[in-house]
């Protein structure tokens, strides 16, 4: 299975990069992982809704360049469906069984995702009603994908 993480913004902190590298290494025995970082737009203080929508639109254009027609797109969004780890593992396993070999997860920037990305998404996934920094969310998502593969393969993993 090919899994792509499409993320807005770069990882600046070494400790996040180290964690991402560790999970990427662990995942290499289960899937082909690609991480794509697209540039984020600077948001001026007190930006109007119109300006914020324009910023999200620019980020969306960058994101969509990496979404192929045959990609099953999962958008991380607060309003998405919440799954526990076993349900998430079942979801990934079912996608594979159904022949979806290209799965992309998209993590938006500080303003979230533009409606065009949300409309294209085949599935919306939420990890919480809380908002997380996109750098941390990348680590959490990779850990959960790794956990999924451990569950799917009947391998032990800390509960």
Foldseek 3Di string as FASTA:
>chain_A
DEEEEEEEDDDDDPVLVVLLVVLCVLCVVPYHYYYHYDYADDDDPPDDPVVLLVRLVVVQVRRVVPADPLEQEEEEDLPFDEDDLQVVLVVVVVCVVVPSRHYYYYAYAPSGHHVVSVVPHPGYYYHHNDDDHRSVVSSVVSVSVSSSVCVVVVHDDDD
